[in-house]
Amino acid sequence: MRFVDVTKTSGIRFIHHSGATPKKLLPETMGSGVAVIDYDNDGKPDLLFINSRPWPGQEGKDPLPTLALYRNLGGGKFADVTREVGLDISMFGMGVAVGDFDNDGWPDVFITGVGGNRLFRNEAGDTGRVFRDVTARAGVGGPGGWPATSPDFSSFDRPLAWSSSAAWLDFDGDGLLDLFVCNYLTWSPRADAEQNFRLSSGERAYGPPRVFAGTQCVLYRNRGDGRFVDVSRQTGVEVMNHGESVAKSLGVSVCDIDEVGWPDIVVANDTVRNFFFRNTAGADGRRVFREIGEITGVAYVDRTARGAMGIDWGPGATRGRNALLISNFADEPNSFLVQGRPGDVQLTDLAPSEGISGPSRASLKFGLFFFDFDNDGRLDFLTCNGHLEPDISRSQPTKSYAQSVQLFWNRGQRSPRYGLITPKTAGPDLFAPLVGRGCAYLDVDGDGALDVVLTANGGPARLLRCENRTGNHWLRLRLEGDGKRSNRSAIGARVVLLADGREQRREVSGARGYLSQSELTLTFGLGKATRVDKITIHWPGRDPGPPTVLEGVEVDREMTVIQGKGVK
């Protein structure tokens, strides 16, 4: 197994602009995300990179940085199509979520940021697909906006909305994708600039989130007419403590933890307790959420709130027992919260016994995801790491600003379960240090091996091609809901695959990791199995109809399965 850096030969030239100045305002450290999106439905995954911009008054003479969409041309090549599709817009962007909110068969894009969020609808243009900004009509831009240019932006004292990760989900089962948005802090430039954050050398430093007040996550219900309504309060996703907002949210995972057919929401919070919103029926029969993080083991690890960044959910433990994987701040290990039994909402941190705590402790972890990089049928995971403070080595010589990715291999029944992969095994390219933030996986070339894209704060993105020489077999499933009972993106679908006596489970998720979204296509590694015995697809929605069952499926190929119609 080797990962090879193919960024230059692929044609990807994206460089993230952090907006950093000597004032060292906290949002400069936090971006950016990346999304895998097949925007033109040609079967090849494209890449959308989220960018930030200079603060007002710091623009200079150069053109403002914009988002960047790269179209997959095939053969390992990409072309920058940002301008022609209408995404050459400048904003202080953070995260991204992809989903077909209007069920027209084309994926739409929601982008979070500081000073407001944007929703882009995928439409037919004169020469191909284009994205139209429908934020105002949809009502999902968030409060406030981008301040007018002032002589000194750091004196601006009104709080700016600061959204981070987001996720599409159908929380009420009506076949329409709703939208969950994480918000990080109650933050203003002046409140940040007035803090006396200093390195040991006396220089200005980026400050911790503890000095800023919390805020609230937001849930928007899809009305079905292009508009959304904020239902945060009535559905129970606003969390208060003695009258104050609690959330300092950076990552979100939407997953059916109790496997009853309704999506739950788990939120990774930075220095405050994590949230577990369990989807339940309210008194009037409508779906609401009950926040149960503290009683289920999700809120704290060792009774302590960690600096949580990214989060993912998947079958990373023993058969039928899923796990929440959470990346945490420097000198805090990753959290690995495992179910006691299938469908259980009680979770226990097994990171120490599973071989995760020690190797993961020192790094500052942001992006992460479960994936089966060697196609052996067991989910491995990757974290994308990098520090907040460029000058960290001056005050802490053992720390570095740019850090290496960590890749953990799932060793199955061996103890400990996870082992750290080294450059000797997977090649040096993946482990070249970067100021890592977002990351995602995709199959660039259709060979069944999952490739990796990494973003760097204030630096170039990287595309790593996975060269899988194990001989292990695989199967990829591209699911499409009917747009009535289930959303067209099939977000929330659960798949159970049986091959050679081994069962595997996956969920189509609208968010993974930190500020990012991996491809919605599901990849199953099959090891040496040459045939899949059975696939059961449970479609999302309150009344999705019977599951789709496929038997005797050939391996080493990608299949498209349409709800109610079977294999395309």
Protein backbone atom coordinates (compact mmCIF):
# COMPACT_ATOMS: atom_id res chain seq x y z
CA MET A 1 0.00 0.00 0.00
CA ARG A 2 1.38 3.38 -1.00
CA PHE A 3 -0.05 6.89 -1.22
CA VAL A 4 1.51 9.01 -3.97
CA ASP A 5 1.22 12.80 -4.15
CA VAL A 6 -0.32 13.53 -7.55
CA THR A 7 -1.31 17.15 -6.88
CA LYS A 8 0.95 18.70 -9.52
CA THR A 9 0.22 16.19 -12.26
CA SER A 10 -3.53 16.35 -11.53
CA GLY A 11 -3.75 20.07 -12.26
CA ILE A 12 -4.96 21.06 -8.80
CA ARG A 13 -3.42 24.41 -7.84
CA PHE A 14 -5.56 25.49 -4.88
CA ILE A 15 -3.87 27.48 -2.11
CA HIS A 16 -5.87 28.47 0.94
CA HIS A 17 -5.82 32.14 1.98
CA SER A 18 -6.20 32.41 5.76
CA GLY A 19 -6.50 36.20 6.00
CA ALA A 20 -3.73 36.18 8.62
CA THR A 21 -2.34 39.50 9.89
CA PRO A 22 -0.06 40.40 12.83
CA LYS A 23 -3.26 41.07 14.83
CA LYS A 24 -3.74 37.28 14.99
CA LEU A 25 -7.53 37.01 15.02
CA LEU A 26 -8.74 33.49 15.84
CA PRO A 27 -10.73 32.69 12.63
CA GLU A 28 -7.48 32.95 10.66
CA THR A 29 -6.37 29.65 12.19
CA MET A 30 -9.46 27.49 11.59
CA GLY A 31 -10.07 27.03 7.84
CA SER A 32 -10.58 25.32 5.54
CA GLY A 33 -12.81 22.52 4.32
CA VAL A 34 -13.11 20.48 1.14
CA ALA A 35 -15.98 18.56 -0.45
CA VAL A 36 -16.21 15.74 -2.94
CA ILE A 37 -19.06 16.45 -5.36
CA ASP A 38 -20.01 15.03 -8.73
CA TYR A 39 -21.57 18.34 -9.77
CA ASP A 40 -22.16 17.36 -13.42
CA ASN A 41 -23.30 13.76 -12.75
CA ASP A 42 -20.73 12.26 -15.10
CA GLY A 43 -19.78 9.56 -12.59
CA LYS A 44 -16.39 11.11 -11.77
CA PRO A 45 -15.89 12.85 -8.38
CA ASP A 46 -14.98 16.54 -8.53
CA LEU A 47 -13.41 18.63 -5.75
CA LEU A 48 -14.64 21.87 -4.17
CA PHE A 49 -12.19 23.78 -1.97
CA ILE A 50 -13.36 26.42 0.52
CA ASN A 51 -11.33 29.61 0.83
CA SER A 52 -11.14 32.54 3.21
CA ARG A 53 -10.20 36.12 2.31
CA PRO A 54 -8.50 39.23 3.71
CA TRP A 55 -10.25 41.15 6.46
CA PRO A 56 -11.90 44.45 5.49
CA GLY A 57 -9.24 47.08 4.95
CA GLN A 58 -6.60 44.43 4.22
CA GLU A 59 -7.60 43.60 0.64
CA GLY A 60 -4.63 45.05 -1.24
CA LYS A 61 -4.37 45.24 -5.03
CA ASP A 62 -4.52 41.54 -5.87
CA PRO A 63 -7.84 39.91 -6.82
CA LEU A 64 -9.70 38.52 -3.84
CA PRO A 65 -9.30 34.76 -3.30
CA THR A 66 -12.36 32.69 -4.14
CA LEU A 67 -13.76 29.21 -3.77
CA ALA A 68 -12.29 26.69 -6.20
CA LEU A 69 -14.10 23.89 -8.05
CA TYR A 70 -11.99 21.36 -9.95
CA ARG A 71 -13.72 19.14 -12.48
CA ASN A 72 -12.50 15.56 -12.79
CA LEU A 73 -11.59 15.04 -16.44
CA GLY A 74 -10.61 11.40 -15.98
CA GLY A 75 -7.16 9.95 -16.33
CA GLY A 76 -6.10 11.60 -13.07
CA LYS A 77 -6.56 15.12 -14.47
CA PHE A 78 -8.61 18.03 -13.10
CA ALA A 79 -9.57 21.40 -14.58
CA ASP A 80 -10.42 24.58 -12.67
CA VAL A 81 -14.03 25.42 -13.62
CA THR A 82 -14.74 27.83 -10.75
CA ARG A 83 -15.57 30.85 -12.86
CA GLU A 84 -17.62 29.10 -15.50
CA VAL A 85 -19.90 27.48 -12.90
CA GLY A 86 -20.39 30.72 -10.94
CA LEU A 87 -18.49 29.83 -7.76
CA ASP A 88 -15.81 32.51 -8.09
CA ILE A 89 -17.13 34.27 -5.01
CA SER A 90 -15.11 35.65 -2.12
CA MET A 91 -16.10 35.05 1.50
CA PHE A 92 -14.39 34.14 4.76
CA GLY A 93 -15.31 30.51 4.17
CA MET A 94 -14.98 27.62 6.60
CA GLY A 95 -16.95 24.46 5.84
CA VAL A 96 -19.09 22.82 3.17
CA ALA A 97 -21.97 20.35 2.86
CA VAL A 98 -23.26 18.76 -0.36
CA GLY A 99 -26.78 17.43 -0.91
CA ASP A 100 -29.70 17.62 -3.36
CA PHE A 101 -32.07 19.75 -1.28
CA ASP A 102 -34.68 20.17 -4.04
CA ASN A 103 -34.64 16.54 -5.25
CA ASP A 104 -34.01 17.49 -8.87
CA GLY A 105 -31.16 14.99 -9.26
CA TRP A 106 -28.31 17.53 -9.06
CA PRO A 107 -26.17 18.09 -5.93
CA ASP A 108 -26.37 21.53 -4.32
CA VAL A 109 -23.79 23.21 -2.07
CA PHE A 110 -24.00 24.94 1.32
CA ILE A 111 -20.94 26.87 2.51
CA THR A 112 -20.33 28.15 6.03
CA GLY A 113 -18.12 31.02 7.10
CA VAL A 114 -17.51 34.08 9.22
CA GLY A 115 -19.98 36.86 8.47
CA GLY A 116 -22.62 34.70 6.79
CA ASN A 117 -23.29 31.41 4.99
CA ARG A 118 -24.20 30.73 1.34
CA LEU A 119 -26.47 28.20 -0.40
CA PHE A 120 -25.89 27.48 -4.09
CA ARG A 121 -28.41 25.60 -6.23
CA ASN A 122 -27.09 23.45 -9.08
CA GLU A 123 -28.87 24.55 -12.27
CA ALA A 124 -28.63 24.16 -16.03
CA GLY A 125 -26.68 26.94 -17.71
CA ASP A 126 -26.07 27.84 -21.34
CA THR A 127 -22.99 25.61 -21.62
CA GLY A 128 -23.36 23.24 -18.69
CA ARG A 129 -24.13 23.16 -14.99
CA VAL A 130 -23.89 26.36 -12.96
CA PHE A 131 -24.47 27.30 -9.33
CA ARG A 132 -26.91 30.08 -8.43
CA ASP A 133 -26.84 31.78 -5.05
CA VAL A 134 -30.27 31.18 -3.46
CA THR A 135 -29.30 32.10 0.10
CA ALA A 136 -31.71 35.01 0.48
CA ARG A 137 -34.78 33.11 -0.68
CA ALA A 138 -33.81 29.99 1.28
CA GLY A 139 -33.27 31.95 4.48
CA VAL A 140 -30.14 30.06 5.58
CA GLY A 141 -27.55 32.85 5.52
CA GLY A 142 -27.42 33.22 9.29
CA PRO A 143 -27.54 36.43 11.32
CA GLY A 144 -25.52 39.57 10.68
CA GLY A 145 -23.28 39.85 7.67
CA TRP A 146 -19.90 41.04 6.47
CA PRO A 147 -19.03 44.45 8.01
CA ALA A 148 -18.34 47.48 5.89
CA THR A 149 -14.69 48.38 5.33
CA SER A 150 -13.31 50.36 8.24
CA PRO A 151 -9.89 51.90 8.89
CA ASP A 152 -9.27 49.32 11.62
CA PHE A 153 -11.28 46.12 11.33
CA SER A 154 -10.03 44.95 14.72
CA SER A 155 -12.09 47.72 16.34
CA PHE A 156 -15.37 46.26 15.01
CA ASP A 157 -17.24 45.32 18.19
CA ARG A 158 -20.46 43.68 17.00
CA PRO A 159 -20.41 39.85 17.05
CA LEU A 160 -19.98 38.24 13.63
CA ALA A 161 -21.77 34.99 12.91
CA TRP A 162 -19.17 32.22 12.75
CA SER A 163 -20.40 28.90 11.37
CA SER A 164 -18.14 25.88 11.03
CA SER A 165 -19.31 22.42 9.92
CA ALA A 166 -22.73 21.66 8.44
CA ALA A 167 -24.68 18.55 7.45
CA TRP A 168 -27.66 17.70 5.29
CA LEU A 169 -30.14 15.25 6.83
CA ASP A 170 -33.83 14.36 6.67
CA PHE A 171 -34.63 14.61 10.36
CA ASP A 172 -38.44 14.40 9.99
CA GLY A 173 -38.53 11.73 7.28
CA ASP A 174 -40.51 13.73 4.69
CA GLY A 175 -38.10 12.97 1.84
CA LEU A 176 -36.59 16.48 1.88
CA LEU A 177 -33.09 17.31 3.08
CA ASP A 178 -32.98 19.60 6.08
CA LEU A 179 -29.85 21.45 7.18
CA PHE A 180 -27.92 21.39 10.47
CA VAL A 181 -25.34 24.14 11.01
CA CYS A 182 -22.66 24.24 13.71
CA ASN A 183 -21.71 27.64 15.12
CA TYR A 184 -18.42 28.07 16.93
CA LEU A 185 -18.20 31.15 19.17
CA THR A 186 -19.79 34.48 19.98
CA TRP A 187 -16.90 36.42 18.46
CA SER A 188 -16.05 39.95 17.38
CA PRO A 189 -12.73 41.37 16.12
CA ARG A 190 -12.55 43.85 18.97
CA ALA A 191 -13.21 41.24 21.66
CA ASP A 192 -10.39 39.16 20.19
CA ALA A 193 -7.92 42.02 19.70
CA GLU A 194 -8.40 43.28 23.27
CA GLN A 195 -7.34 39.96 24.80
CA ASN A 196 -3.75 39.86 25.96
CA PHE A 197 -2.77 36.60 24.28
CA ARG A 198 1.02 36.27 24.42
CA LEU A 199 3.71 33.71 23.69
CA SER A 200 6.45 33.24 26.25
CA SER A 201 8.59 35.48 24.03
CA GLY A 202 6.04 38.28 24.50
CA GLU A 203 4.69 38.21 20.95
CA ARG A 204 0.97 38.29 20.20
CA ALA A 205 -0.55 34.77 20.08
CA TYR A 206 -3.82 33.27 18.88
CA GLY A 207 -6.17 32.90 21.83
CA PRO A 208 -8.10 29.90 23.17
CA PRO A 209 -11.88 29.52 22.73
CA ARG A 210 -12.42 29.50 26.49
CA VAL A 211 -12.29 33.31 26.66
CA PHE A 212 -15.23 33.67 24.26
CA ALA A 213 -18.89 32.99 25.00
CA GLY A 214 -20.69 30.03 23.47
CA THR A 215 -23.44 30.13 20.89
CA GLN A 216 -26.10 27.80 19.40
CA CYS A 217 -26.35 25.26 16.61
CA VAL A 218 -29.13 25.81 14.08
CA LEU A 219 -31.54 23.35 12.44
CA TYR A 220 -33.36 24.46 9.29
CA ARG A 221 -36.39 22.47 8.10
CA ASN A 222 -36.84 22.19 4.34
CA ARG A 223 -40.30 23.48 3.35
CA GLY A 224 -40.08 21.95 -0.12
CA ASP A 225 -40.53 25.25 -1.99
CA GLY A 226 -36.92 26.42 -1.98
CA ARG A 227 -37.24 27.95 1.48
CA PHE A 228 -36.20 26.80 4.93
CA VAL A 229 -37.48 27.62 8.40
CA ASP A 230 -35.40 27.76 11.59
CA VAL A 231 -36.79 25.08 13.93
CA SER A 232 -33.87 24.98 16.35
CA ARG A 233 -35.78 25.92 19.46
CA GLN A 234 -38.89 23.81 18.97
CA THR A 235 -36.86 20.73 18.02
CA GLY A 236 -34.52 20.93 21.01
CA VAL A 237 -31.13 21.66 19.44
CA GLU A 238 -30.62 24.86 21.41
CA VAL A 239 -28.64 24.03 24.56
CA MET A 240 -28.54 26.42 27.50
CA ASN A 241 -26.77 26.33 30.86
CA HIS A 242 -28.10 28.77 33.47
CA GLY A 243 -29.44 30.97 30.70
CA GLU A 244 -26.25 31.03 28.65
CA SER A 245 -25.58 29.42 25.27
CA VAL A 246 -23.31 26.40 25.54
CA ALA A 247 -22.22 25.35 22.04
CA LYS A 248 -18.69 25.85 20.72
CA SER A 249 -19.24 23.50 17.81
CA LEU A 250 -16.71 22.49 15.16
CA GLY A 251 -17.72 19.04 13.89
CA VAL A 252 -20.97 17.17 13.32
CA SER A 253 -21.87 13.57 12.57
CA VAL A 254 -25.38 12.53 11.53
CA CYS A 255 -25.92 8.84 12.19
CA ASP A 256 -28.66 6.44 13.26
CA ILE A 257 -26.96 5.36 16.48
CA ASP A 258 -29.88 3.31 17.84
CA GLU A 259 -30.74 1.92 14.37
CA VAL A 260 -34.45 2.74 14.55
CA GLY A 261 -34.58 4.56 11.20
CA TRP A 262 -34.30 8.15 12.42
CA PRO A 263 -31.07 10.18 12.15
CA ASP A 264 -29.41 11.31 15.36
CA ILE A 265 -26.91 14.18 15.56
CA VAL A 266 -23.61 14.21 17.46
CA VAL A 267 -21.69 17.48 17.77
CA ALA A 268 -18.00 17.86 18.62
CA ASN A 269 -17.53 20.93 20.84
CA ASP A 270 -14.27 22.71 21.60
CA THR A 271 -13.50 22.90 25.37
CA VAL A 272 -17.14 22.32 26.36
CA ARG A 273 -19.16 19.11 26.49
CA ASN A 274 -20.10 17.32 23.27
CA PHE A 275 -23.78 16.99 22.30
CA PHE A 276 -25.77 13.88 21.43
CA PHE A 277 -29.15 14.84 19.99
CA ARG A 278 -31.33 11.72 19.91
CA ASN A 279 -34.17 11.84 17.38
CA THR A 280 -37.47 11.05 19.12
CA ALA A 281 -41.21 11.55 18.63
CA GLY A 282 -42.63 14.61 20.37
CA ALA A 283 -45.98 14.83 22.14
CA ASP A 284 -47.67 15.91 18.91
CA GLY A 285 -45.98 13.17 16.87
CA ARG A 286 -43.47 15.52 15.24
CA ARG A 287 -39.78 14.68 15.41
CA VAL A 288 -37.74 16.44 18.07
CA PHE A 289 -34.31 15.94 19.60
CA ARG A 290 -33.42 15.13 23.16
CA GLU A 291 -29.87 16.06 24.16
CA ILE A 292 -28.48 13.06 26.08
CA GLY A 293 -24.71 13.50 25.82
CA GLU A 294 -24.05 13.51 29.55
CA ILE A 295 -25.96 10.30 30.30
CA THR A 296 -24.55 8.33 27.36
CA GLY A 297 -20.80 8.96 27.73
CA VAL A 298 -20.56 11.29 24.72
CA ALA A 299 -20.32 14.64 26.52
CA TYR A 300 -17.06 14.02 28.38
CA VAL A 301 -14.14 11.62 28.43
CA ASP A 302 -12.74 11.01 31.91
CA ARG A 303 -15.26 13.61 33.09
CA THR A 304 -13.37 16.28 31.14
CA ALA A 305 -14.39 18.42 28.17
CA ARG A 306 -11.73 18.15 25.49
CA GLY A 307 -10.89 20.46 22.60
CA ALA A 308 -12.90 18.48 20.05
CA MET A 309 -12.49 19.34 16.37
CA GLY A 310 -13.64 16.65 13.91
CA ILE A 311 -15.94 13.66 14.26
CA ASP A 312 -16.99 10.55 12.34
CA TRP A 313 -19.16 7.49 12.96
CA GLY A 314 -18.67 3.97 11.69
CA PRO A 315 -18.20 0.27 12.41
CA GLY A 316 -14.65 0.64 13.67
CA ALA A 317 -15.03 -1.85 16.53
CA THR A 318 -16.25 -5.44 16.70
CA ARG A 319 -19.12 -6.76 14.59
CA GLY A 320 -22.29 -4.73 15.01
CA ARG A 321 -20.73 -2.26 17.46
CA ASN A 322 -20.13 1.14 15.92
CA ALA A 323 -17.86 3.88 17.24
CA LEU A 324 -17.66 7.66 17.36
CA LEU A 325 -14.18 8.87 16.50
CA ILE A 326 -13.39 12.42 17.67
CA SER A 327 -10.18 14.36 17.01
CA ASN A 328 -8.97 16.55 19.87
CA PHE A 329 -6.50 19.31 20.66
CA ALA A 330 -2.76 18.87 21.21
CA ASP A 331 -1.82 16.72 24.21
CA GLU A 332 -5.31 15.21 24.20
CA PRO A 333 -5.72 11.82 22.53
CA ASN A 334 -8.42 11.03 20.01
CA SER A 335 -11.66 9.82 21.58
CA PHE A 336 -12.97 6.41 20.43
CA LEU A 337 -16.46 5.97 21.87
CA VAL A 338 -17.79 2.45 21.31
CA GLN A 339 -21.26 0.97 21.73
CA GLY A 340 -21.69 -1.69 24.40
CA ARG A 341 -23.84 -3.69 21.97
CA PRO A 342 -25.41 -3.08 18.53
CA GLY A 343 -27.89 -0.20 18.61
CA ASP A 344 -26.87 0.87 22.12
CA VAL A 345 -26.83 4.62 22.87
CA GLN A 346 -24.41 4.11 25.76
CA LEU A 347 -20.82 4.59 24.60
CA THR A 348 -17.47 4.02 26.30
CA ASP A 349 -14.09 5.48 25.36
CA LEU A 350 -11.83 2.58 24.37
CA ALA A 351 -9.04 4.67 22.85
CA PRO A 352 -6.45 3.50 25.43
CA SER A 353 -7.09 -0.23 24.98
CA GLU A 354 -7.51 0.00 21.19
CA GLY A 355 -4.02 1.47 20.62
CA ILE A 356 -5.21 5.00 19.79
CA SER A 357 -4.46 7.15 22.85
CA GLY A 358 -0.66 7.04 22.96
CA PRO A 359 0.12 7.67 19.29
CA SER A 360 -2.54 10.36 18.86
CA ARG A 361 -1.92 12.40 22.00
CA ALA A 362 0.80 14.86 20.96
CA SER A 363 -0.57 16.09 17.61
CA LEU A 364 -3.19 18.80 17.18
CA LYS A 365 -5.86 16.91 15.25
CA PHE A 366 -8.51 18.49 12.99
CA GLY A 367 -9.88 16.55 10.01
CA LEU A 368 -10.53 12.83 10.23
CA PHE A 369 -12.53 10.01 8.67
CA PHE A 370 -13.04 6.27 8.78
CA PHE A 371 -12.17 4.48 5.52
CA ASP A 372 -10.90 1.09 4.44
CA PHE A 373 -7.66 2.11 2.76
CA ASP A 374 -6.44 -1.43 2.05
CA ASN A 375 -9.84 -2.97 1.18
CA ASP A 376 -9.51 -5.76 3.73
CA GLY A 377 -13.06 -5.25 5.02
CA ARG A 378 -12.13 -3.39 8.21
CA LEU A 379 -12.41 0.38 8.67
CA ASP A 380 -9.14 2.21 9.27
CA PHE A 381 -8.95 5.93 9.98
CA LEU A 382 -6.90 9.02 9.16
CA THR A 383 -6.41 12.34 10.97
CA CYS A 384 -5.18 15.58 9.36
CA ASN A 385 -3.02 17.51 11.84
CA GLY A 386 -1.48 20.94 12.28
CA HIS A 387 -1.05 23.53 15.01
CA LEU A 388 -2.87 26.87 15.39
CA GLU A 389 0.15 28.95 16.31
CA PRO A 390 2.87 29.53 13.64
CA ASP A 391 5.39 30.36 16.37
CA ILE A 392 4.54 27.45 18.66
CA SER A 393 8.07 26.01 18.55
CA ARG A 394 9.42 29.15 20.23
CA SER A 395 7.46 28.57 23.40
CA GLN A 396 7.16 24.76 23.12
CA PRO A 397 10.24 23.35 21.33
CA THR A 398 8.70 19.87 21.11
CA LYS A 399 5.75 21.19 19.05
CA SER A 400 5.68 22.14 15.37
CA TYR A 401 3.30 24.24 13.29
CA ALA A 402 3.20 21.84 10.33
CA GLN A 403 2.53 18.24 11.38
CA SER A 404 2.22 14.86 9.73
CA VAL A 405 -0.98 13.03 8.92
CA GLN A 406 -1.64 9.96 11.06
CA LEU A 407 -3.02 6.78 9.49
CA PHE A 408 -4.30 4.05 11.81
CA TRP A 409 -4.67 0.52 10.46
CA ASN A 410 -7.43 -1.71 11.82
CA ARG A 411 -5.72 -5.01 12.72
CA GLY A 412 -8.94 -6.91 13.38
CA GLN A 413 -8.91 -9.26 16.35
CA ARG A 414 -5.32 -8.52 17.30
CA SER A 415 -4.68 -6.46 20.40
CA PRO A 416 -4.48 -3.55 20.30
CA ARG A 417 -6.90 -3.24 17.43
CA TYR A 418 -5.26 -0.20 15.78
CA GLY A 419 -1.66 0.26 14.71
CA LEU A 420 -0.01 3.39 13.37
CA ILE A 421 1.06 3.14 9.73
CA THR A 422 4.53 4.54 8.94
CA PRO A 423 6.08 6.05 5.79
CA LYS A 424 7.98 2.78 5.35
CA THR A 425 4.66 1.02 4.77
CA ALA A 426 2.61 3.62 2.91
CA GLY A 427 5.31 5.80 1.37
CA PRO A 428 6.55 9.24 2.50
CA ASP A 429 4.19 11.47 0.48
CA LEU A 430 1.16 11.12 2.75
CA PHE A 431 3.22 12.03 5.81
CA ALA A 432 4.88 15.22 4.56
CA PRO A 433 4.10 17.80 7.29
CA LEU A 434 1.39 20.40 6.64
CA VAL A 435 -0.78 22.76 8.69
CA GLY A 436 -3.62 20.30 8.25
CA ARG A 437 -7.31 21.13 8.59
CA GLY A 438 -9.97 19.53 6.36
CA CYS A 439 -9.69 16.21 4.58
CA ALA A 440 -11.85 13.85 2.55
CA TYR A 441 -11.68 10.59 0.64
CA LEU A 442 -12.74 9.72 -2.91
CA ASP A 443 -11.97 7.27 -5.66
CA VAL A 444 -10.43 9.56 -8.26
CA ASP A 445 -9.82 7.00 -10.96
CA GLY A 446 -12.42 4.28 -10.32
CA ASP A 447 -9.97 1.59 -9.30
CA GLY A 448 -11.69 0.85 -5.98
CA ALA A 449 -8.84 2.24 -3.87
CA LEU A 450 -9.78 5.31 -1.84
CA ASP A 451 -7.64 8.36 -2.49
CA VAL A 452 -7.19 11.24 -0.05
CA VAL A 453 -7.41 15.03 -0.34
CA LEU A 454 -5.90 17.23 2.40
CA THR A 455 -6.24 20.96 2.98
CA ALA A 456 -3.76 23.21 4.76
CA ASN A 457 -4.44 26.45 6.58
CA GLY A 458 -2.74 29.15 4.55
CA GLY A 459 -1.16 26.60 2.23
CA PRO A 460 -1.67 24.35 -0.82
CA ALA A 461 -4.09 21.44 -0.93
CA ARG A 462 -2.77 17.96 -1.65
CA LEU A 463 -4.21 15.01 -3.55
CA LEU A 464 -2.80 11.58 -2.66
CA ARG A 465 -3.51 8.63 -4.92
CA CYS A 466 -3.79 5.25 -3.20
CA GLU A 467 -1.89 2.50 -5.01
CA ASN A 468 -3.48 -0.67 -3.68
CA ARG A 469 -1.37 -3.68 -4.59
CA THR A 470 -2.88 -6.05 -2.02
CA GLY A 471 -5.08 -7.88 -4.50
CA ASN A 472 -8.08 -7.32 -2.21
CA HIS A 473 -11.45 -7.06 -3.90
CA TRP A 474 -13.99 -4.28 -3.50
CA LEU A 475 -17.47 -3.04 -4.38
CA ARG A 476 -18.75 0.53 -4.67
CA LEU A 477 -22.43 1.46 -4.26
CA ARG A 478 -23.86 4.71 -5.56
CA LEU A 479 -27.37 5.10 -4.09
CA GLU A 480 -30.20 7.28 -5.40
CA GLY A 481 -33.44 7.88 -3.53
CA ASP A 482 -36.72 8.31 -5.43
CA GLY A 483 -37.06 11.97 -4.35
CA LYS A 484 -40.45 11.35 -2.76
CA ARG A 485 -40.21 8.82 0.04
CA SER A 486 -36.47 9.35 0.35
CA ASN A 487 -34.15 12.21 -0.61
CA ARG A 488 -32.43 11.84 -3.97
CA SER A 489 -28.96 11.93 -2.39
CA ALA A 490 -29.94 8.90 -0.26
CA ILE A 491 -28.35 10.61 2.75
CA GLY A 492 -29.26 8.52 5.79
CA ALA A 493 -29.46 5.21 3.91
CA ARG A 494 -28.04 2.20 5.81
CA VAL A 495 -26.45 -0.71 3.96
CA VAL A 496 -25.66 -4.19 5.26
CA LEU A 497 -23.36 -6.30 3.06
CA LEU A 498 -22.61 -10.01 3.54
CA ALA A 499 -19.64 -11.62 1.80
CA ASP A 500 -17.72 -14.77 2.65
CA GLY A 501 -19.50 -15.03 6.00
CA ARG A 502 -18.53 -11.49 7.06
CA GLU A 503 -21.01 -8.68 7.59
CA GLN A 504 -20.22 -5.01 6.91
CA ARG A 505 -22.36 -1.93 7.59
CA ARG A 506 -22.23 1.58 6.19
CA GLU A 507 -24.34 4.74 6.29
CA VAL A 508 -24.55 7.44 3.62
CA SER A 509 -23.48 10.49 5.63
CA GLY A 510 -23.82 14.18 4.78
CA ALA A 511 -20.78 15.14 6.88
CA ARG A 512 -17.52 13.54 7.96
CA GLY A 513 -14.63 14.96 9.92
CA TYR A 514 -13.95 18.68 10.10
CA LEU A 515 -15.54 21.27 7.78
CA SER A 516 -15.56 18.68 5.00
CA GLN A 517 -17.53 16.08 3.11
CA SER A 518 -16.23 12.89 1.57
CA GLU A 519 -17.94 11.20 -1.36
CA LEU A 520 -21.45 9.82 -0.83
CA THR A 521 -20.63 6.66 -2.78
CA LEU A 522 -20.05 3.75 -0.38
CA THR A 523 -16.92 1.62 -0.78
CA PHE A 524 -16.73 -1.86 0.70
CA GLY A 525 -13.39 -3.63 0.91
CA LEU A 526 -13.92 -7.37 0.49
CA GLY A 527 -10.50 -8.88 1.15
CA LYS A 528 -10.17 -12.13 -0.77
CA ALA A 529 -13.94 -12.63 -1.24
CA THR A 530 -14.75 -12.98 -4.95
CA ARG A 531 -18.51 -12.61 -4.63
CA VAL A 532 -20.96 -10.67 -2.47
CA ASP A 533 -23.66 -12.95 -1.12
CA LYS A 534 -26.23 -10.33 -0.12
CA ILE A 535 -26.73 -6.57 0.08
CA THR A 536 -29.62 -5.02 2.03
CA ILE A 537 -30.28 -1.30 1.53
CA HIS A 538 -32.50 0.44 4.10
CA TRP A 539 -33.65 3.68 2.52
CA PRO A 540 -34.15 6.84 4.62
CA GLY A 541 -37.50 8.49 5.40
CA ARG A 542 -40.53 7.90 7.58
CA ASP A 543 -42.15 5.56 5.04
CA PRO A 544 -39.41 4.43 2.64
CA GLY A 545 -41.00 1.14 1.69
CA PRO A 546 -39.24 -2.23 1.79
CA PRO A 547 -35.45 -2.42 1.69
CA THR A 548 -33.74 -3.22 -1.57
CA VAL A 549 -32.10 -6.66 -1.50
CA LEU A 550 -29.44 -7.75 -3.98
CA GLU A 551 -27.91 -11.23 -4.06
CA GLY A 552 -24.98 -12.82 -5.85
CA VAL A 553 -23.27 -9.54 -6.76
CA GLU A 554 -20.02 -9.54 -8.72
CA VAL A 555 -17.06 -7.68 -7.22
CA ASP A 556 -14.52 -5.06 -8.36
CA ARG A 557 -17.06 -2.67 -9.83
CA GLU A 558 -19.25 0.31 -9.06
CA MET A 559 -23.04 -0.08 -9.06
CA THR A 560 -25.79 2.53 -9.06
CA VAL A 561 -28.91 1.43 -7.16
CA ILE A 562 -32.13 3.46 -7.48
CA GLN A 563 -34.86 3.19 -4.87
CA GLY A 564 -37.80 1.21 -6.25
CA LYS A 565 -35.99 0.40 -9.50
CA GLY A 566 -32.95 -1.62 -8.48
CA VAL A 567 -29.59 -1.61 -10.25
CA LYS A 568 -29.25 0.99 -12.98
